Amino acid sequence: MNGTVYKVVDWSGRYEKAQSRKCVKMNWVAFPNTHDGNGYGRVAAHEKASDLFTAFILICQVASKMEERGLLIVKGIPLTAEDIAFKTRFPKAIFELAFLELVKPGIGWLEIVE
């Protein structure tokens, strides 16, 4: 496997619910609506907050459709910013930014899988 594999942190605990666990193919995502966490605060304070938050929502939507939900990989091939941009029709640059910023310890919404 070549490339960096990204994973949404704690997918099962944050984005899966009893209803979603019964679904084989997802067409929705259960999304937390809290705004008081440190990660959220750091994203909101970022100069490109709207791009970061938009990218994360779209990443979660894509991640919900993966074979292993939350893990951005298809048939053993990691999804790139370009792949996610193509799937969502949003600019590649916002996903590149998300991959850089959302893995930082102060935010921690994404993680790199070894």
PDB file of N, CA and C in Angstrom:
ATOM      1  N   MET A   1       0.853  -1.182   0.000  1.00  0.00           N
ATOM      2  CA  MET A   1       0.000   0.000   0.000  1.00  0.00           C
ATOM      3  C   MET A   1       0.891   1.234   0.000  1.00  0.00           C
ATOM      4  N   ASN A   2       0.644   2.125  -0.931  1.00  0.00           N
ATOM      5  CA  ASN A   2       1.407   3.368  -1.033  1.00  0.00           C
ATOM      6  C   ASN A   2       0.536   4.542  -0.664  1.00  0.00           C
ATOM      7  N   GLY A   3       1.131   5.547  -0.034  1.00  0.00           N
ATOM      8  CA  GLY A   3       0.384   6.743   0.313  1.00  0.00           C
ATOM      9  C   GLY A   3      -0.020   6.751   1.771  1.00  0.00           C
ATOM     10  N   THR A   4      -0.484   7.895   2.192  1.00  0.00           N
ATOM     11  CA  THR A   4      -0.905   8.089   3.575  1.00  0.00           C
ATOM     12  C   THR A   4      -2.366   7.698   3.726  1.00  0.00           C
ATOM     13  N   VAL A   5      -2.645   6.925   4.752  1.00  0.00           N
ATOM     14  CA  VAL A   5      -4.026   6.528   5.047  1.00  0.00           C
ATOM     15  C   VAL A   5      -4.531   7.384   6.206  1.00  0.00           C
ATOM     16  N   TYR A   6      -5.647   8.048   5.985  1.00  0.00           N
ATOM     17  CA  TYR A   6      -6.271   8.866   7.019  1.00  0.00           C
ATOM     18  C   TYR A   6      -7.509   8.163   7.546  1.00  0.00           C
ATOM     19  N   LYS A   7      -7.766   8.413   8.813  1.00  0.00           N
ATOM     20  CA  LYS A   7      -8.929   7.820   9.478  1.00  0.00           C
ATOM     21  C   LYS A   7      -9.592   8.892  10.332  1.00  0.00           C
ATOM     22  N   VAL A   8     -10.911   8.897  10.348  1.00  0.00           N
ATOM     23  CA  VAL A   8     -11.648   9.797  11.229  1.00  0.00           C
ATOM     24  C   VAL A   8     -11.525   9.247  12.643  1.00  0.00           C
ATOM     25  N   VAL A   9     -11.070  10.075  13.557  1.00  0.00           N
ATOM     26  CA  VAL A   9     -10.831   9.650  14.940  1.00  0.00           C
ATOM     27  C   VAL A   9     -12.144   9.229  15.605  1.00  0.00           C
ATOM     28  N   ASP A  10     -12.109   8.087  16.267  1.00  0.00           N
ATOM     29  CA  ASP A  10     -13.237   7.537  17.032  1.00  0.00           C
ATOM     30  C   ASP A  10     -14.534   7.485  16.221  1.00  0.00           C
ATOM     31  N   TRP A  11     -14.412   7.011  14.991  1.00  0.00           N
ATOM     32  CA  TRP A  11     -15.590   6.934  14.111  1.00  0.00           C
ATOM     33  C   TRP A  11     -16.739   6.203  14.806  1.00  0.00           C
ATOM     34  N   SER A  12     -16.453   5.046  15.332  1.00  0.00           N
ATOM     35  CA  SER A  12     -17.506   4.215  15.922  1.00  0.00           C
ATOM     36  C   SER A  12     -18.212   4.914  17.085  1.00  0.00           C
ATOM     37  N   GLY A  13     -17.461   5.598  17.921  1.00  0.00           N
ATOM     38  CA  GLY A  13     -18.050   6.254  19.088  1.00  0.00           C
ATOM     39  C   GLY A  13     -18.768   7.550  18.777  1.00  0.00           C
ATOM     40  N   ARG A  14     -18.317   8.268  17.767  1.00  0.00           N
ATOM     41  CA  ARG A  14     -18.884   9.588  17.473  1.00  0.00           C
ATOM     42  C   ARG A  14     -19.919   9.601  16.360  1.00  0.00           C
ATOM     43  N   TYR A  15     -19.751   8.747  15.352  1.00  0.00           N
ATOM     44  CA  TYR A  15     -20.574   8.871  14.145  1.00  0.00           C
ATOM     45  C   TYR A  15     -21.454   7.655  13.860  1.00  0.00           C
ATOM     46  N   GLU A  16     -21.300   6.616  14.654  1.00  0.00           N
ATOM     47  CA  GLU A  16     -22.165   5.440  14.510  1.00  0.00           C
ATOM     48  C   GLU A  16     -23.199   5.439  15.626  1.00  0.00           C
ATOM     49  N   LYS A  17     -24.403   5.102  15.266  1.00  0.00           N
ATOM     50  CA  LYS A  17     -25.509   4.973  16.214  1.00  0.00           C
ATOM     51  C   LYS A  17     -26.181   3.628  15.956  1.00  0.00           C
ATOM     52  N   ALA A  18     -27.112   3.250  16.797  1.00  0.00           N
ATOM     53  CA  ALA A  18     -27.776   1.950  16.645  1.00  0.00           C
ATOM     54  C   ALA A  18     -28.348   1.781  15.238  1.00  0.00           C
ATOM     55  N   GLN A  19     -28.962   2.837  14.705  1.00  0.00           N
ATOM     56  CA  GLN A  19     -29.564   2.755  13.373  1.00  0.00           C
ATOM     57  C   GLN A  19     -28.498   2.565  12.291  1.00  0.00           C
ATOM     58  N   SER A  20     -27.389   3.286  12.403  1.00  0.00           N
ATOM     59  CA  SER A  20     -26.362   3.203  11.352  1.00  0.00           C
ATOM     60  C   SER A  20     -25.650   1.853  11.385  1.00  0.00           C
ATOM     61  N   ARG A  21     -25.527   1.267  12.553  1.00  0.00           N
ATOM     62  CA  ARG A  21     -24.847  -0.031  12.650  1.00  0.00           C
ATOM     63  C   ARG A  21     -25.623  -1.124  11.909  1.00  0.00           C
ATOM     64  N   LYS A  22     -26.903  -0.921  11.697  1.00  0.00           N
ATOM     65  CA  LYS A  22     -27.736  -1.885  10.973  1.00  0.00           C
ATOM     66  C   LYS A  22     -27.626  -1.716   9.460  1.00  0.00           C
ATOM     67  N   CYS A  23     -27.092  -0.593   9.008  1.00  0.00           N
ATOM     68  CA  CYS A  23     -27.036  -0.283   7.576  1.00  0.00           C
ATOM     69  C   CYS A  23     -25.800  -0.881   6.928  1.00  0.00           C
ATOM     70  N   VAL A  24     -25.998  -1.465   5.762  1.00  0.00           N
ATOM     71  CA  VAL A  24     -24.883  -1.959   4.975  1.00  0.00           C
ATOM     72  C   VAL A  24     -24.334  -0.815   4.125  1.00  0.00           C
ATOM     73  N   LYS A  25     -25.218  -0.068   3.491  1.00  0.00           N
ATOM     74  CA  LYS A  25     -24.824   1.068   2.658  1.00  0.00           C
ATOM     75  C   LYS A  25     -25.393   2.339   3.289  1.00  0.00           C
ATOM     76  N   MET A  26     -24.501   3.284   3.570  1.00  0.00           N
ATOM     77  CA  MET A  26     -24.921   4.517   4.241  1.00  0.00           C
ATOM     78  C   MET A  26     -25.262   5.616   3.235  1.00  0.00           C
ATOM     79  N   ASN A  27     -26.309   6.382   3.556  1.00  0.00           N
ATOM     80  CA  ASN A  27     -26.617   7.580   2.779  1.00  0.00           C
ATOM     81  C   ASN A  27     -26.864   8.760   3.711  1.00  0.00           C
ATOM     82  N   TRP A  28     -26.385   8.632   4.964  1.00  0.00           N
ATOM     83  CA  TRP A  28     -26.453   9.716   5.951  1.00  0.00           C
ATOM     84  C   TRP A  28     -25.374   9.477   7.002  1.00  0.00           C
ATOM     85  N   VAL A  29     -25.089  10.517   7.772  1.00  0.00           N
ATOM     86  CA  VAL A  29     -24.098  10.430   8.847  1.00  0.00           C
ATOM     87  C   VAL A  29     -24.682  11.063  10.098  1.00  0.00           C
ATOM     88  N   ALA A  30     -24.581  10.380  11.222  1.00  0.00           N
ATOM     89  CA  ALA A  30     -24.948  10.972  12.514  1.00  0.00           C
ATOM     90  C   ALA A  30     -23.798  11.891  12.909  1.00  0.00           C
ATOM     91  N   PHE A  31     -24.091  13.159  13.111  1.00  0.00           N
ATOM     92  CA  PHE A  31     -23.022  14.129  13.334  1.00  0.00           C
ATOM     93  C   PHE A  31     -23.244  14.867  14.648  1.00  0.00           C
ATOM     94  N   PRO A  32     -22.224  14.905  15.532  1.00  0.00           N
ATOM     95  CA  PRO A  32     -22.368  15.633  16.799  1.00  0.00           C
ATOM     96  C   PRO A  32     -22.652  17.111  16.550  1.00  0.00           C
ATOM     97  N   ASN A  33     -23.422  17.717  17.443  1.00  0.00           N
ATOM     98  CA  ASN A  33     -23.748  19.142  17.281  1.00  0.00           C
ATOM     99  C   ASN A  33     -23.237  19.975  18.462  1.00  0.00           C
ATOM    100  N   THR A  34     -22.135  19.538  19.049  1.00  0.00           N
ATOM    101  CA  THR A  34     -21.541  20.310  20.138  1.00  0.00           C
ATOM    102  C   THR A  34     -20.504  21.277  19.568  1.00  0.00           C
ATOM    103  N   HIS A  35     -20.356  22.384  20.244  1.00  0.00           N
ATOM    104  CA  HIS A  35     -19.426  23.415  19.779  1.00  0.00           C
ATOM    105  C   HIS A  35     -18.497  23.872  20.898  1.00  0.00           C
ATOM    106  N   ASP A  36     -18.324  23.037  21.910  1.00  0.00           N
ATOM    107  CA  ASP A  36     -17.542  23.471  23.070  1.00  0.00           C
ATOM    108  C   ASP A  36     -16.207  22.754  23.220  1.00  0.00           C
ATOM    109  N   GLY A  37     -15.856  21.863  22.296  1.00  0.00           N
ATOM    110  CA  GLY A  37     -14.585  21.147  22.402  1.00  0.00           C
ATOM    111  C   GLY A  37     -13.402  21.987  21.954  1.00  0.00           C
ATOM    112  N   ASN A  38     -12.221  21.636  22.439  1.00  0.00           N
ATOM    113  CA  ASN A  38     -11.009  22.352  22.055  1.00  0.00           C
ATOM    114  C   ASN A  38     -10.712  22.239  20.569  1.00  0.00           C
ATOM    115  N   GLY A  39     -10.934  21.057  20.005  1.00  0.00           N
ATOM    116  CA  GLY A  39     -10.700  20.873  18.578  1.00  0.00           C
ATOM    117  C   GLY A  39     -11.585  21.782  17.755  1.00  0.00           C
ATOM    118  N   TYR A  40     -12.861  21.816  18.109  1.00  0.00           N
ATOM    119  CA  TYR A  40     -13.790  22.699  17.401  1.00  0.00           C
ATOM    120  C   TYR A  40     -13.358  24.165  17.536  1.00  0.00           C
ATOM    121  N   GLY A  41     -12.967  24.554  18.734  1.00  0.00           N
ATOM    122  CA  GLY A  41     -12.527  25.932  18.962  1.00  0.00           C
ATOM    123  C   GLY A  41     -11.322  26.286  18.119  1.00  0.00           C
ATOM    124  N   ARG A  42     -10.386  25.343  17.997  1.00  0.00           N
ATOM    125  CA  ARG A  42      -9.198  25.605  17.179  1.00  0.00           C
ATOM    126  C   ARG A  42      -9.550  25.678  15.698  1.00  0.00           C
ATOM    127  N   VAL A  43     -10.461  24.825  15.255  1.00  0.00           N
ATOM    128  CA  VAL A  43     -10.909  24.907  13.862  1.00  0.00           C
ATOM    129  C   VAL A  43     -11.616  26.236  13.622  1.00  0.00           C
ATOM    130  N   ALA A  44     -12.516  26.609  14.524  1.00  0.00           N
ATOM    131  CA  ALA A  44     -13.271  27.859  14.365  1.00  0.00           C
ATOM    132  C   ALA A  44     -12.361  29.085  14.370  1.00  0.00           C
ATOM    133  N   ALA A  45     -11.244  29.014  15.090  1.00  0.00           N
ATOM    134  CA  ALA A  45     -10.316  30.147  15.170  1.00  0.00           C
ATOM    135  C   ALA A  45      -9.341  30.191  13.993  1.00  0.00           C
ATOM    136  N   HIS A  46      -9.291  29.146  13.220  1.00  0.00           N
ATOM    137  CA  HIS A  46      -8.358  29.078  12.091  1.00  0.00           C
ATOM    138  C   HIS A  46      -8.760  30.092  11.027  1.00  0.00           C
ATOM    139  N   GLU A  47      -7.787  30.668  10.349  1.00  0.00           N
ATOM    140  CA  GLU A  47      -8.091  31.673   9.321  1.00  0.00           C
ATOM    141  C   GLU A  47      -8.897  31.099   8.151  1.00  0.00           C
ATOM    142  N   LYS A  48      -8.847  29.782   7.987  1.00  0.00           N
ATOM    143  CA  LYS A  48      -9.628  29.119   6.937  1.00  0.00           C
ATOM    144  C   LYS A  48     -10.641  28.156   7.575  1.00  0.00           C
ATOM    145  N   ALA A  49     -11.294  28.632   8.616  1.00  0.00           N
ATOM    146  CA  ALA A  49     -12.239  27.804   9.379  1.00  0.00           C
ATOM    147  C   ALA A  49     -13.329  27.205   8.500  1.00  0.00           C
ATOM    148  N   SER A  50     -13.903  27.997   7.643  1.00  0.00           N
ATOM    149  CA  SER A  50     -14.995  27.498   6.795  1.00  0.00           C
ATOM    150  C   SER A  50     -14.522  26.384   5.872  1.00  0.00           C
ATOM    151  N   ASP A  51     -13.330  26.541   5.306  1.00  0.00           N
ATOM    152  CA  ASP A  51     -12.782  25.488   4.449  1.00  0.00           C
ATOM    153  C   ASP A  51     -12.508  24.214   5.241  1.00  0.00           C
ATOM    154  N   LEU A  52     -11.926  24.361   6.427  1.00  0.00           N
ATOM    155  CA  LEU A  52     -11.613  23.196   7.257  1.00  0.00           C
ATOM    156  C   LEU A  52     -12.877  22.451   7.680  1.00  0.00           C
ATOM    157  N   PHE A  53     -13.864  23.198   8.143  1.00  0.00           N
ATOM    158  CA  PHE A  53     -15.089  22.546   8.619  1.00  0.00           C
ATOM    159  C   PHE A  53     -15.838  21.892   7.462  1.00  0.00           C
ATOM    160  N   THR A  54     -15.908  22.584   6.343  1.00  0.00           N
ATOM    161  CA  THR A  54     -16.552  22.012   5.163  1.00  0.00           C
ATOM    162  C   THR A  54     -15.843  20.729   4.742  1.00  0.00           C
ATOM    163  N   ALA A  55     -14.512  20.781   4.681  1.00  0.00           N
ATOM    164  CA  ALA A  55     -13.743  19.599   4.290  1.00  0.00           C
ATOM    165  C   ALA A  55     -14.014  18.439   5.239  1.00  0.00           C
ATOM    166  N   PHE A  56     -14.078  18.720   6.539  1.00  0.00           N
ATOM    167  CA  PHE A  56     -14.300  17.642   7.496  1.00  0.00           C
ATOM    168  C   PHE A  56     -15.682  17.008   7.331  1.00  0.00           C
ATOM    169  N   ILE A  57     -16.690  17.826   7.136  1.00  0.00           N
ATOM    170  CA  ILE A  57     -18.044  17.279   6.914  1.00  0.00           C
ATOM    171  C   ILE A  57     -18.038  16.374   5.685  1.00  0.00           C
ATOM    172  N   LEU A  58     -17.426  16.839   4.613  1.00  0.00           N
ATOM    173  CA  LEU A  58     -17.373  16.044   3.385  1.00  0.00           C
ATOM    174  C   LEU A  58     -16.533  14.783   3.563  1.00  0.00           C
ATOM    175  N   ILE A  59     -15.434  14.890   4.286  1.00  0.00           N
ATOM    176  CA  ILE A  59     -14.613  13.712   4.581  1.00  0.00           C
ATOM    177  C   ILE A  59     -15.443  12.681   5.350  1.00  0.00           C
ATOM    178  N   CYS A  60     -16.217  13.127   6.317  1.00  0.00           N
ATOM    179  CA  CYS A  60     -17.073  12.198   7.082  1.00  0.00           C
ATOM    180  C   CYS A  60     -18.115  11.551   6.190  1.00  0.00           C
ATOM    181  N   GLN A  61     -18.676  12.313   5.274  1.00  0.00           N
ATOM    182  CA  GLN A  61     -19.660  11.735   4.355  1.00  0.00           C
ATOM    183  C   GLN A  61     -19.017  10.659   3.486  1.00  0.00           C
ATOM    184  N   VAL A  62     -17.837  10.943   2.978  1.00  0.00           N
ATOM    185  CA  VAL A  62     -17.122   9.944   2.179  1.00  0.00           C
ATOM    186  C   VAL A  62     -16.744   8.751   3.056  1.00  0.00           C
ATOM    187  N   ALA A  63     -16.247   9.020   4.244  1.00  0.00           N
ATOM    188  CA  ALA A  63     -15.814   7.955   5.159  1.00  0.00           C
ATOM    189  C   ALA A  63     -16.960   7.028   5.548  1.00  0.00           C
ATOM    190  N   SER A  64     -18.172   7.553   5.560  1.00  0.00           N
ATOM    191  CA  SER A  64     -19.323   6.729   5.927  1.00  0.00           C
ATOM    192  C   SER A  64     -19.630   5.662   4.883  1.00  0.00           C
ATOM    193  N   LYS A  65     -19.101   5.828   3.694  1.00  0.00           N
ATOM    194  CA  LYS A  65     -19.372   4.890   2.602  1.00  0.00           C
ATOM    195  C   LYS A  65     -18.237   3.893   2.374  1.00  0.00           C
ATOM    196  N   MET A  66     -17.195   3.987   3.180  1.00  0.00           N
ATOM    197  CA  MET A  66     -16.049   3.093   2.999  1.00  0.00           C
ATOM    198  C   MET A  66     -16.371   1.688   3.507  1.00  0.00           C
ATOM    199  N   GLU A  67     -15.619   0.721   3.022  1.00  0.00           N
ATOM    200  CA  GLU A  67     -15.799  -0.662   3.474  1.00  0.00           C
ATOM    201  C   GLU A  67     -15.655  -0.744   4.986  1.00  0.00           C
ATOM    202  N   GLU A  68     -14.595  -0.128   5.514  1.00  0.00           N
ATOM    203  CA  GLU A  68     -14.466   0.050   6.960  1.00  0.00           C
ATOM    204  C   GLU A  68     -14.766   1.523   7.216  1.00  0.00           C
ATOM    205  N   ARG A  69     -15.925   1.795   7.753  1.00  0.00           N
ATOM    206  CA  ARG A  69     -16.341   3.184   7.945  1.00  0.00           C
ATOM    207  C   ARG A  69     -15.320   3.963   8.764  1.00  0.00           C
ATOM    208  N   GLY A  70     -15.080   5.176   8.302  1.00  0.00           N
ATOM    209  CA  GLY A  70     -14.140   6.049   8.981  1.00  0.00           C
ATOM    210  C   GLY A  70     -12.728   5.975   8.428  1.00  0.00           C
ATOM    211  N   LEU A  71     -12.395   4.914   7.706  1.00  0.00           N
ATOM    212  CA  LEU A  71     -11.056   4.712   7.155  1.00  0.00           C
ATOM    213  C   LEU A  71     -11.080   5.075   5.671  1.00  0.00           C
ATOM    214  N   LEU A  72     -10.268   6.042   5.284  1.00  0.00           N
ATOM    215  CA  LEU A  72     -10.293   6.561   3.910  1.00  0.00           C
ATOM    216  C   LEU A  72      -9.402   5.726   2.993  1.00  0.00           C
ATOM    217  N   ILE A  73      -9.932   4.562   2.639  1.00  0.00           N
ATOM    218  CA  ILE A  73      -9.198   3.623   1.794  1.00  0.00           C
ATOM    219  C   ILE A  73     -10.197   2.809   0.980  1.00  0.00           C
ATOM    220  N   VAL A  74      -9.878   2.598  -0.296  1.00  0.00           N
ATOM    221  CA  VAL A  74     -10.727   1.817  -1.194  1.00  0.00           C
ATOM    222  C   VAL A  74      -9.882   0.737  -1.858  1.00  0.00           C
ATOM    223  N   LYS A  75     -10.270  -0.509  -1.660  1.00  0.00           N
ATOM    224  CA  LYS A  75      -9.565  -1.651  -2.258  1.00  0.00           C
ATOM    225  C   LYS A  75      -8.059  -1.579  -1.997  1.00  0.00           C
ATOM    226  N   GLY A  76      -7.702  -1.234  -0.769  1.00  0.00           N
ATOM    227  CA  GLY A  76      -6.305  -1.186  -0.373  1.00  0.00           C
ATOM    228  C   GLY A  76      -5.555   0.063  -0.803  1.00  0.00           C
ATOM    229  N   ILE A  77      -6.251   0.993  -1.441  1.00  0.00           N
ATOM    230  CA  ILE A  77      -5.605   2.215  -1.922  1.00  0.00           C
ATOM    231  C   ILE A  77      -6.123   3.406  -1.121  1.00  0.00           C
ATOM    232  N   PRO A  78      -5.217   4.143  -0.466  1.00  0.00           N
ATOM    233  CA  PRO A  78      -5.638   5.310   0.318  1.00  0.00           C
ATOM    234  C   PRO A  78      -6.253   6.389  -0.564  1.00  0.00           C
ATOM    235  N   LEU A  79      -7.309   7.016  -0.068  1.00  0.00           N
ATOM    236  CA  LEU A  79      -7.899   8.148  -0.784  1.00  0.00           C
ATOM    237  C   LEU A  79      -7.021   9.378  -0.574  1.00  0.00           C
ATOM    238  N   THR A  80      -6.808  10.099  -1.645  1.00  0.00           N
ATOM    239  CA  THR A  80      -6.030  11.334  -1.596  1.00  0.00           C
ATOM    240  C   THR A  80      -6.983  12.526  -1.553  1.00  0.00           C
ATOM    241  N   ALA A  81      -6.413  13.692  -1.333  1.00  0.00           N
ATOM    242  CA  ALA A  81      -7.208  14.920  -1.397  1.00  0.00           C
ATOM    243  C   ALA A  81      -7.862  15.042  -2.768  1.00  0.00           C
ATOM    244  N   GLU A  82      -7.142  14.671  -3.804  1.00  0.00           N
ATOM    245  CA  GLU A  82      -7.691  14.728  -5.160  1.00  0.00           C
ATOM    246  C   GLU A  82      -8.874  13.768  -5.331  1.00  0.00           C
ATOM    247  N   ASP A  83      -8.761  12.564  -4.767  1.00  0.00           N
ATOM    248  CA  ASP A  83      -9.858  11.594  -4.847  1.00  0.00           C
ATOM    249  C   ASP A  83     -11.120  12.131  -4.173  1.00  0.00           C
ATOM    250  N   ILE A  84     -10.943  12.692  -2.988  1.00  0.00           N
ATOM    251  CA  ILE A  84     -12.097  13.202  -2.242  1.00  0.00           C
ATOM    252  C   ILE A  84     -12.683  14.421  -2.949  1.00  0.00           C
ATOM    253  N   ALA A  85     -11.829  15.247  -3.523  1.00  0.00           N
ATOM    254  CA  ALA A  85     -12.311  16.394  -4.299  1.00  0.00           C
ATOM    255  C   ALA A  85     -13.148  15.922  -5.479  1.00  0.00           C
ATOM    256  N   PHE A  86     -12.687  14.888  -6.155  1.00  0.00           N
ATOM    257  CA  PHE A  86     -13.439  14.364  -7.294  1.00  0.00           C
ATOM    258  C   PHE A  86     -14.789  13.813  -6.852  1.00  0.00           C
ATOM    259  N   LYS A  87     -14.794  13.067  -5.748  1.00  0.00           N
ATOM    260  CA  LYS A  87     -16.039  12.475  -5.254  1.00  0.00           C
ATOM    261  C   LYS A  87     -17.051  13.530  -4.818  1.00  0.00           C
ATOM    262  N   THR A  88     -16.562  14.594  -4.190  1.00  0.00           N
ATOM    263  CA  THR A  88     -17.470  15.587  -3.593  1.00  0.00           C
ATOM    264  C   THR A  88     -17.694  16.817  -4.464  1.00  0.00           C
ATOM    265  N   ARG A  89     -16.844  17.001  -5.458  1.00  0.00           N
ATOM    266  CA  ARG A  89     -16.904  18.173  -6.352  1.00  0.00           C
ATOM    267  C   ARG A  89     -16.503  19.474  -5.646  1.00  0.00           C
ATOM    268  N   PHE A  90     -15.751  19.352  -4.552  1.00  0.00           N
ATOM    269  CA  PHE A  90     -15.214  20.524  -3.854  1.00  0.00           C
ATOM    270  C   PHE A  90     -13.720  20.616  -4.156  1.00  0.00           C
ATOM    271  N   PRO A  91     -13.115  21.787  -3.944  1.00  0.00           N
ATOM    272  CA  PRO A  91     -11.707  21.979  -4.311  1.00  0.00           C
ATOM    273  C   PRO A  91     -10.743  21.089  -3.533  1.00  0.00           C
ATOM    274  N   LYS A  92      -9.779  20.543  -4.258  1.00  0.00           N
ATOM    275  CA  LYS A  92      -8.740  19.698  -3.665  1.00  0.00           C
ATOM    276  C   LYS A  92      -8.023  20.419  -2.526  1.00  0.00           C
ATOM    277  N   ALA A  93      -7.838  21.717  -2.660  1.00  0.00           N
ATOM    278  CA  ALA A  93      -7.072  22.493  -1.670  1.00  0.00           C
ATOM    279  C   ALA A  93      -7.671  22.406  -0.268  1.00  0.00           C
ATOM    280  N   ILE A  94      -8.993  22.316  -0.153  1.00  0.00           N
ATOM    281  CA  ILE A  94      -9.572  22.258   1.199  1.00  0.00           C
ATOM    282  C   ILE A  94      -9.278  20.920   1.872  1.00  0.00           C
ATOM    283  N   PHE A  95      -9.155  19.861   1.070  1.00  0.00           N
ATOM    284  CA  PHE A  95      -8.837  18.547   1.642  1.00  0.00           C
ATOM    285  C   PHE A  95      -7.351  18.441   1.970  1.00  0.00           C
ATOM    286  N   GLU A  96      -6.519  19.062   1.160  1.00  0.00           N
ATOM    287  CA  GLU A  96      -5.091  19.125   1.481  1.00  0.00           C
ATOM    288  C   GLU A  96      -4.890  19.863   2.802  1.00  0.00           C
ATOM    289  N   LEU A  97      -5.594  20.984   2.960  1.00  0.00           N
ATOM    290  CA  LEU A  97      -5.528  21.748   4.202  1.00  0.00           C
ATOM    291  C   LEU A  97      -6.035  20.903   5.376  1.00  0.00           C
ATOM    292  N   ALA A  98      -7.149  20.219   5.182  1.00  0.00           N
ATOM    293  CA  ALA A  98      -7.723  19.383   6.247  1.00  0.00           C
ATOM    294  C   ALA A  98      -6.751  18.288   6.672  1.00  0.00           C
ATOM    295  N   PHE A  99      -6.089  17.646   5.703  1.00  0.00           N
ATOM    296  CA  PHE A  99      -5.136  16.587   6.029  1.00  0.00           C
ATOM    297  C   PHE A  99      -3.958  17.131   6.829  1.00  0.00           C
ATOM    298  N   LEU A 100      -3.593  18.378   6.611  1.00  0.00           N
ATOM    299  CA  LEU A 100      -2.510  18.990   7.382  1.00  0.00           C
ATOM    300  C   LEU A 100      -2.947  19.431   8.773  1.00  0.00           C
ATOM    301  N   GLU A 101      -4.104  20.061   8.866  1.00  0.00           N
ATOM    302  CA  GLU A 101      -4.537  20.698  10.111  1.00  0.00           C
ATOM    303  C   GLU A 101      -5.301  19.771  11.059  1.00  0.00           C
ATOM    304  N   LEU A 102      -6.152  18.923  10.525  1.00  0.00           N
ATOM    305  CA  LEU A 102      -7.053  18.141  11.384  1.00  0.00           C
ATOM    306  C   LEU A 102      -6.379  16.968  12.077  1.00  0.00           C
ATOM    307  N   VAL A 103      -5.122  16.684  11.711  1.00  0.00           N
ATOM    308  CA  VAL A 103      -4.364  15.639  12.408  1.00  0.00           C
ATOM    309  C   VAL A 103      -3.565  16.201  13.579  1.00  0.00           C
ATOM    310  N   LYS A 104      -3.495  17.516  13.684  1.00  0.00           N
ATOM    311  CA  LYS A 104      -2.707  18.139  14.752  1.00  0.00           C
ATOM    312  C   LYS A 104      -3.291  17.775  16.121  1.00  0.00           C
ATOM    313  N   PRO A 105      -2.418  17.551  17.112  1.00  0.00           N
ATOM    314  CA  PRO A 105      -2.890  17.139  18.444  1.00  0.00           C
ATOM    315  C   PRO A 105      -3.950  18.055  19.054  1.00  0.00           C
ATOM    316  N   GLY A 106      -3.883  19.340  18.819  1.00  0.00           N
ATOM    317  CA  GLY A 106      -4.869  20.256  19.389  1.00  0.00           C
ATOM    318  C   GLY A 106      -6.246  20.143  18.767  1.00  0.00           C
ATOM    319  N   ILE A 107      -6.321  19.521  17.603  1.00  0.00           N
ATOM    320  CA  ILE A 107      -7.613  19.320  16.934  1.00  0.00           C
ATOM    321  C   ILE A 107      -7.964  17.844  16.985  1.00  0.00           C
ATOM    322  N   GLY A 108      -7.170  16.996  16.337  1.00  0.00           N
ATOM    323  CA  GLY A 108      -7.329  15.552  16.441  1.00  0.00           C
ATOM    324  C   GLY A 108      -8.610  14.976  15.875  1.00  0.00           C
ATOM    325  N   TRP A 109      -9.106  15.537  14.789  1.00  0.00           N
ATOM    326  CA  TRP A 109     -10.316  14.989  14.160  1.00  0.00           C
ATOM    327  C   TRP A 109      -9.976  13.888  13.160  1.00  0.00           C
ATOM    328  N   LEU A 110      -8.749  13.932  12.630  1.00  0.00           N
ATOM    329  CA  LEU A 110      -8.260  12.888  11.727  1.00  0.00           C
ATOM    330  C   LEU A 110      -6.969  12.329  12.318  1.00  0.00           C
ATOM    331  N   GLU A 111      -6.664  11.091  11.947  1.00  0.00           N
ATOM    332  CA  GLU A 111      -5.387  10.507  12.333  1.00  0.00           C
ATOM    333  C   GLU A 111      -4.787   9.777  11.141  1.00  0.00           C
ATOM    334  N   ILE A 112      -3.485   9.659  11.167  1.00  0.00           N
ATOM    335  CA  ILE A 112      -2.774   8.904  10.127  1.00  0.00           C
ATOM    336  C   ILE A 112      -2.616   7.477  10.640  1.00  0.00           C
ATOM    337  N   VAL A 113      -2.974   6.524   9.788  1.00  0.00           N
ATOM    338  CA  VAL A 113      -2.892   5.110  10.139  1.00  0.00           C
ATOM    339  C   VAL A 113      -1.596   4.562   9.562  1.00  0.00           C
ATOM    340  N   GLU A 114      -0.842   3.880  10.385  1.00  0.00           N
ATOM    341  CA  GLU A 114       0.438   3.283   9.945  1.00  0.00           C
ATOM    342  C   GLU A 114       0.174   1.997   9.206  1.00  0.00           C
TER     343      GLU A 114
END
